[in-house]
Amino acid sequence: MANFTAEQVLEDNLIKKLISGDSQWTYRDDLHTEEELWENFRHKLELNNKSTLDGNPLTEQEFKQVQNQLLFPSFYAAAKWLAGENGIAKVQVQREDAALGTIRLNVINRQDVAGGMSSYEVINQFKSDKRSIEDMNRRFDVTLLINGLPMIHIELKNRAHPYMDAFRQVKKYLKEGKFTGIYSSLQMFVVTNGTDTRYIASAQDTKLNEQFLTKWVNNQNQPVNDYLEFAEEVLSIPMAHKMVTQYTVIDRDKKALILLRPYQIHAIEAVKQASRNQKSGYVWHTTGSGKTLTSYKVARNLLQIPSLQKTIFIVDRVDLDQQTSASFTSYAENDVINIDETDNVNDLIKKLLSDDRTVIITTIQKLNFVMKRFAHQEGSKKHTQLTQLKIAFVVDECHRAVSPAKQREIEEFFVHSLWYGFTGTPIFAENAKKVVGDLPRTTAKQYGERLHEYTVKEAINDHAVLGFQVEYKSTFSEEELDGAVMELSGKNELDMGDMSSEDKEAWLPKSVYEDERHMLEVIDSIINKSRMKLGFQKGSGQTYNALLTTSSIAQAQRYYDLFKMVKLGETSVTIDEKTKRVLPDFPKVAITYSISENEEASITNQERMKESLRDYNEEFGTSYTIDTMRAYNRNVNDRLSRKKEKYVARAEQLDIVIVVDRLLTGFDAPSLSTLFIDRAPMKPHDLIQAFSRTNRLFDKPKKYGQIVTFQTPTTYEQKVKEALILYSNGGENEVLAPEWEEAKEAFIEAITELKELVETPTEVDGLNRAELKKFVKAFQKLDKTYAAVQVYTDFDAEQLGTDFPIISAEIEEFNGKYVNALEELRKDPKEEELIEINIEYELESVKTEEINYEYILQLIQAFVPSGDDEYELLAREDAKATAEVDKYIDELAKNNPRLAGIMQNLWGNIRLNPEKYRDQNISNVLEDVIQSEQQYVIQDFSQKWQVEPEELSYVVANYSPKKDKQNGESELKESANYYAYKEKSEKPVSKLKYWKHVRSDFEEIMKNEILPLQRR
């Protein structure tokens, strides 16, 4: 049997690491309770504010004021407070002695690392207050305090467990409302099993998404997994202080705290170092890995360098990059700098000449006007001031925003400028720009040396982005292709055999793809063969969305009209009943493009756009016109990206947006899963940019960024391979998902392996323990491969039983046996077995729950006012969103009336008096109600049968319906007092039958009262 290091030993080793060497943490083995932590914090506060207190320590009432300010309703609120005033987080105290007035006390200085007022302490085994029946001696592992406040919490498991067990433990604590009180200041969670370590920003349980657990890598992108190495690199001082104060971003729109990933931090440091050395350069971070966030932090951090007077962030066309600008504004709201968007040229000149140290966001066009205005004013005071400014230009999507010619012009005007370009798709010698005089043709020539690199292959390996699954489709057969080529080229059938598919495709004119029959086949594929791609298996409101890109605005409008006709039943293509069953209103379609693309469009085209705007207004209750296209585009962005709470509800969602080039670069929409392409292949960097709209992390079922092409499949496949080899650092294999044939073979292989072990589900019952383990592994493989094949458009459920030697009913039966087998293996867990099989594997192919509990909570949370929201100003009384919550609770009631009743009651109370719930986490509120209900059932049962409530609580908390005898049952029986029961009961059962009745009644209350409350 394998021996694993005990969890306590891991904990001790971690603490030793943190307090030894240069790490600078102090171990406090005297701090274990909330009261002790507050007292310790009070001591730090008074020590750091001696001069302000002026010999008058805080009274009890005054310290209560401080405590109240530090009881944060959310980690987001704590992060906003931590950002502070000019980087110092403070509390305000109205002194009891009126003569002393009101004072402001410094708590944490984000810049004050390891010196002056900062103290760093480690605690472990903190005793959490008992809040529910499940709280059996609950203790936290390791917490790191800065100036007495918990900032980083570390949850450990031993190596017999996956690190995800530690993550699940954190989620459990969050759901139970554990991280409240002084712990509400937490900014970062670390989870580890010693071998694998991850970190994540603090968030409430419904928003703590495992997809965002981050692995640390060093500045050479080498992983740092071991918990002690992680502690050395990330949790030592000053790094830990920087992580929670300087490497965080507060996103106002998402109401979330973002912790930067390691490659973002390394890039920021590399740019800072280059600027100190007066060098320009560029950062290659693959598209989708958070370049806008990185460039924001770079722009913000460059202001800390005294030699720089201004940082200018250059964006491309304003309407195309509203998202970048909006993101910057959202990030900056709680930061120590101002982000200035320039409304006009005069405004830009004024900001350039001011002494304020700010980040200025502007466009290349406005900079152009500034240079033109001062072109013939050499020697004037303003000209000298401007041209001598020490400026750092930060350029996101650096090739799209600034051409080499324009950059040279700007450099000749602003003679002391540094340039920092960000790109996911650098221009290399292999795809260099055309020769134009001596202008630079590659990224390195234009911006300087590469300061940091993080390729798509590395990002996929680190789970920072998803890989790509590409399907190359054609709407006509090989015979039809040959026929078309023979007709166009005059070649005969014999010649066809000598031609490659690529050569044949080259003969096809553009017109074959403008034919309505082709377009309808594309639409049929999107609406009837892409349900798995669009996440229909997850249910209404949780599906993904998609982009359809076409070759022209005219073609995009034609597609828009055809989608409308299909929905009205006016074409040969009809919407499948399977599609309608999940989303009766599918597909909700919009069309968008940049205004500049439409300058030469016909009056007819303008009229069609007006018509699509009218449709949009009718669908979503908006009022956009041609004159407010910019606002419309922004709304489409928001609706498609779903970052704001409002767009979580199905009523506010879009399914498909038809575009030409807009949104194919610089647009971030995590809920976007698929790009449908009906246009000729693009250049390598444009292809990767477009593909990368789809591979953002979102939720667990989203495995890949999915691409479906509908033109020249052979040509497309070749172009994609070339692009991926160029941008994935030496080979595309790890970037692409398996093709259909590979996925199909893998599923067949998994079926064969399972059936070699057990031909039918009934045979599972006769397996011994070793065989049961083999069955579990085999079924997990089948489940994984079955989930994978269902995503391809080539998959049809009819293939089960024909192409695939298993039918759906068999898979369901095997699923039932699998669940039982896991339960059997869990009864007697042997440590070595936990390594051999994945006990915590979550089934992907068989959807068991009809209702997504977390989705309902998110919908309800959107109706709760928070922060400075004025309830009346928020679109809370949205009839569609309200109807959706009602519908979900009604659906839940069919399977779980007990839980649905509690949720219905809470929902009704929130609608009646939303102010009562301001700033509350609905998940915690609901959990408290559920725990109270359970406690009431336990007390009632305890009094009825005269058993000890503590012992009963233990049996309830550890109950398993699969077991004949429950954990703690013997102790419960020993605690029973038959004579007290007999005295209290009107019709007592005999002593002989007493325990049998207790057990029977217990099973009844578990089945009808308690288990339904735990199923969520």
Foldseek 3Di string as FASTA:
>chain_A
DDDWDAQVVVLVVQVCLCVDDQQQAAEDAPAAELVSLLVLLLVLQCVQCVVLCVPPRADPVQSVQVLVVQFALALLRLLLQCLDALQWRWGKGQGPPNVSGITITTQDGLPDWPDRSKHKYKYAQHAFDDQFLLPDRDTFGMFMDISSATAEGEFEAAPLDALVVSVVVVLVCLLQVRCGRSSRNYFKYWTANQQAIWMFTDGHNLPRFPLRTFFAAAQVLHTDGGPSSCCVVQVGPPRVSCQSRPQWFNFQQLSDIGGAHNQLVLLLVLLLVCVVVLAWAEAAAAFQLCVLVSLLSSLVVNLVDVLAQEEEEEDEDCLLQVVSVSRSCRRPPSHNADEAEAPALVSVLVVLLDRGHHYYYYALVSVVVNCVVCVPVPPDPSQCSNQAHQYEYEYEQNCRRAPQVSLVVVCVSNVNYHYYYYHNAWADPVRFDDDDPPGGGTRCSRTNYHSGHHFLLSCCVRSSWFFEAEAEAAPDDPVVLVVVQCVQPVDDPVVVVVDDLLRSQVSDDPVVLLDVSLLVVLVLLVQPLQCLLQPLVQAFLQTFAEEEAEAALVSLLVSVVVVVCQLVVNDPRHHDPVSCVRPVPPAAEAEAEDPVRCPPPDPVSQVSNQVRVVVVCVQQVDDDGPVVRSVVSVLLLCQNQVSHLVNSHNSSHHHYYYYHQRPLAPRERARYQEYEYEYDDDALSSVSSNQSNHTHHDHDSRRHRYYYYHGSRVVNVVRPQVSCCSRRPHGNPSRYDDHLVVLLVQLQVLLVQLCVLPVALVVLVVDDLVSLLVNLVSLLSNQVSLSVNSNDSPDDLVCAVPSHVHHPVRNVSSVVSNVVSLVVCVVDPDSVSVVVHPSPDDGDRDDDDPADPSSLLSLLVLQAAEDPDDNVPDPNVPVSSVVRSVVRLVVLCVVQVQLSVLVVVVSVVCVVPRPVQYSHRVSNVSSSVLSVQVLVVLVVLCQQQVWDSSLVSVQLSQPDPSDPDTVSNVVRVVRTDNVSNVVPDPDRDDPVCSVVVSVVVSVVCCVRPRVSSVPD
